[in-house]
Amino acid sequence: MGQHVWLLLATILTELLVIKKWSKGQFSEPFPKAVKVGWTIGAFLLVLYPIIQFGIPSARKYIRKHQKKGKTKTS
């Protein structure tokens, strides 16, 4: 991963730690089930989209590249 990704992850982690520390007692009632489901689906799609868009095609290229190399060595 590039430098910007590591910086982004460090910033997000820091923000989450600050929120966890200072938000005690902020919300007296638990979130409704619909809100939890909505946030879960949104987070899942946010992770799934880059994997499908960028991860799978590059993995396929890598596999094809190494399969071609393996076929030429045995022939």
C-alpha atoms as a PDB file:
ATOM      1  CA  MET A   1       0.000   0.000   0.000  1.00  0.00           C
ATOM      2  CA  GLY A   2       1.121   3.513  -0.696  1.00  0.00           C
ATOM      3  CA  GLN A   3       2.040   6.252   1.742  1.00  0.00           C
ATOM      4  CA  HIS A   4      -1.337   7.934   1.450  1.00  0.00           C
ATOM      5  CA  VAL A   5      -3.197   4.761   2.397  1.00  0.00           C
ATOM      6  CA  TRP A   6      -1.124   4.299   5.540  1.00  0.00           C
ATOM      7  CA  LEU A   7      -1.686   7.937   6.487  1.00  0.00           C
ATOM      8  CA  LEU A   8      -5.425   7.555   5.881  1.00  0.00           C
ATOM      9  CA  LEU A   9      -5.588   4.402   8.036  1.00  0.00           C
ATOM     10  CA  ALA A  10      -3.629   6.069  10.842  1.00  0.00           C
ATOM     11  CA  THR A  11      -5.953   9.085  10.756  1.00  0.00           C
ATOM     12  CA  ILE A  12      -9.085   6.932  10.821  1.00  0.00           C
ATOM     13  CA  LEU A  13      -7.745   4.834  13.697  1.00  0.00           C
ATOM     14  CA  THR A  14      -6.839   7.963  15.670  1.00  0.00           C
ATOM     15  CA  GLU A  15     -10.297   9.430  15.090  1.00  0.00           C
ATOM     16  CA  LEU A  16     -11.971   6.203  16.217  1.00  0.00           C
ATOM     17  CA  LEU A  17      -9.881   6.113  19.389  1.00  0.00           C
ATOM     18  CA  VAL A  18     -10.756   9.740  20.205  1.00  0.00           C
ATOM     19  CA  ILE A  19     -14.449   9.062  19.576  1.00  0.00           C
ATOM     20  CA  LYS A  20     -14.342   5.953  21.787  1.00  0.00           C
ATOM     21  CA  LYS A  21     -12.643   7.854  24.607  1.00  0.00           C
ATOM     22  CA  TRP A  22     -14.783  10.986  24.634  1.00  0.00           C
ATOM     23  CA  SER A  23     -18.206   9.613  23.683  1.00  0.00           C
ATOM     24  CA  LYS A  24     -18.967   7.608  26.823  1.00  0.00           C
ATOM     25  CA  GLY A  25     -22.472   8.422  27.993  1.00  0.00           C
ATOM     26  CA  GLN A  26     -23.228  10.357  24.811  1.00  0.00           C
ATOM     27  CA  PHE A  27     -25.861   7.937  23.575  1.00  0.00           C
ATOM     28  CA  SER A  28     -28.064   6.605  26.344  1.00  0.00           C
ATOM     29  CA  GLU A  29     -30.130   4.278  24.125  1.00  0.00           C
ATOM     30  CA  PRO A  30     -28.828   1.650  21.694  1.00  0.00           C
ATOM     31  CA  PHE A  31     -29.157   2.308  17.993  1.00  0.00           C
ATOM     32  CA  PRO A  32     -32.292   0.979  16.284  1.00  0.00           C
ATOM     33  CA  LYS A  33     -31.890  -2.246  14.340  1.00  0.00           C
ATOM     34  CA  ALA A  34     -32.586  -0.502  11.001  1.00  0.00           C
ATOM     35  CA  VAL A  35     -29.693   1.897  11.608  1.00  0.00           C
ATOM     36  CA  LYS A  36     -27.314  -0.939  12.494  1.00  0.00           C
ATOM     37  CA  VAL A  37     -28.347  -2.919   9.396  1.00  0.00           C
ATOM     38  CA  GLY A  38     -27.978   0.133   7.171  1.00  0.00           C
ATOM     39  CA  TRP A  39     -24.494   0.941   8.436  1.00  0.00           C
ATOM     40  CA  THR A  40     -23.455  -2.720   8.132  1.00  0.00           C
ATOM     41  CA  ILE A  41     -24.638  -2.944   4.526  1.00  0.00           C
ATOM     42  CA  GLY A  42     -22.950   0.361   3.685  1.00  0.00           C
ATOM     43  CA  ALA A  43     -19.635  -0.715   5.230  1.00  0.00           C
ATOM     44  CA  PHE A  44     -19.817  -4.079   3.466  1.00  0.00           C
ATOM     45  CA  LEU A  45     -20.399  -2.427   0.083  1.00  0.00           C
ATOM     46  CA  LEU A  46     -17.633   0.086   0.757  1.00  0.00           C
ATOM     47  CA  VAL A  47     -15.187  -2.797   1.233  1.00  0.00           C
ATOM     48  CA  LEU A  48     -16.613  -5.021  -1.500  1.00  0.00           C
ATOM     49  CA  TYR A  49     -16.538  -2.489  -4.346  1.00  0.00           C
ATOM     50  CA  PRO A  50     -12.755  -1.864  -4.398  1.00  0.00           C
ATOM     51  CA  ILE A  51     -12.090  -5.591  -4.059  1.00  0.00           C
ATOM     52  CA  ILE A  52     -14.218  -6.354  -7.096  1.00  0.00           C
ATOM     53  CA  GLN A  53     -13.104  -3.317  -9.073  1.00  0.00           C
ATOM     54  CA  PHE A  54      -9.362  -3.440  -8.416  1.00  0.00           C
ATOM     55  CA  GLY A  55      -8.375  -6.608  -6.546  1.00  0.00           C
ATOM     56  CA  ILE A  56      -9.930  -9.339  -8.637  1.00  0.00           C
ATOM     57  CA  PRO A  57      -8.768  -8.100 -12.085  1.00  0.00           C
ATOM     58  CA  SER A  58      -5.172  -7.701 -10.908  1.00  0.00           C
ATOM     59  CA  ALA A  59      -5.260 -11.142  -9.283  1.00  0.00           C
ATOM     60  CA  ARG A  60      -6.515 -12.663 -12.527  1.00  0.00           C
ATOM     61  CA  LYS A  61      -3.708 -10.982 -14.483  1.00  0.00           C
ATOM     62  CA  TYR A  62      -1.165 -12.282 -11.964  1.00  0.00           C
ATOM     63  CA  ILE A  63      -2.515 -15.833 -12.171  1.00  0.00           C
ATOM     64  CA  ARG A  64      -2.614 -15.808 -15.984  1.00  0.00           C
ATOM     65  CA  LYS A  65       0.913 -14.430 -16.148  1.00  0.00           C
ATOM     66  CA  HIS A  66       2.295 -17.174 -13.911  1.00  0.00           C
ATOM     67  CA  GLN A  67       0.306 -19.927 -15.624  1.00  0.00           C
ATOM     68  CA  LYS A  68       1.835 -18.932 -18.960  1.00  0.00           C
ATOM     69  CA  LYS A  69       5.326 -19.025 -17.444  1.00  0.00           C
ATOM     70  CA  GLY A  70       4.683 -22.482 -16.000  1.00  0.00           C
ATOM     71  CA  LYS A  71       3.475 -23.854 -19.357  1.00  0.00           C
ATOM     72  CA  THR A  72       6.530 -22.588 -21.231  1.00  0.00           C
ATOM     73  CA  LYS A  73       8.959 -24.137 -18.720  1.00  0.00           C
ATOM     74  CA  THR A  74       7.473 -27.638 -18.921  1.00  0.00           C
ATOM     75  CA  SER A  75       7.191 -27.687 -22.720  1.00  0.00           C
END
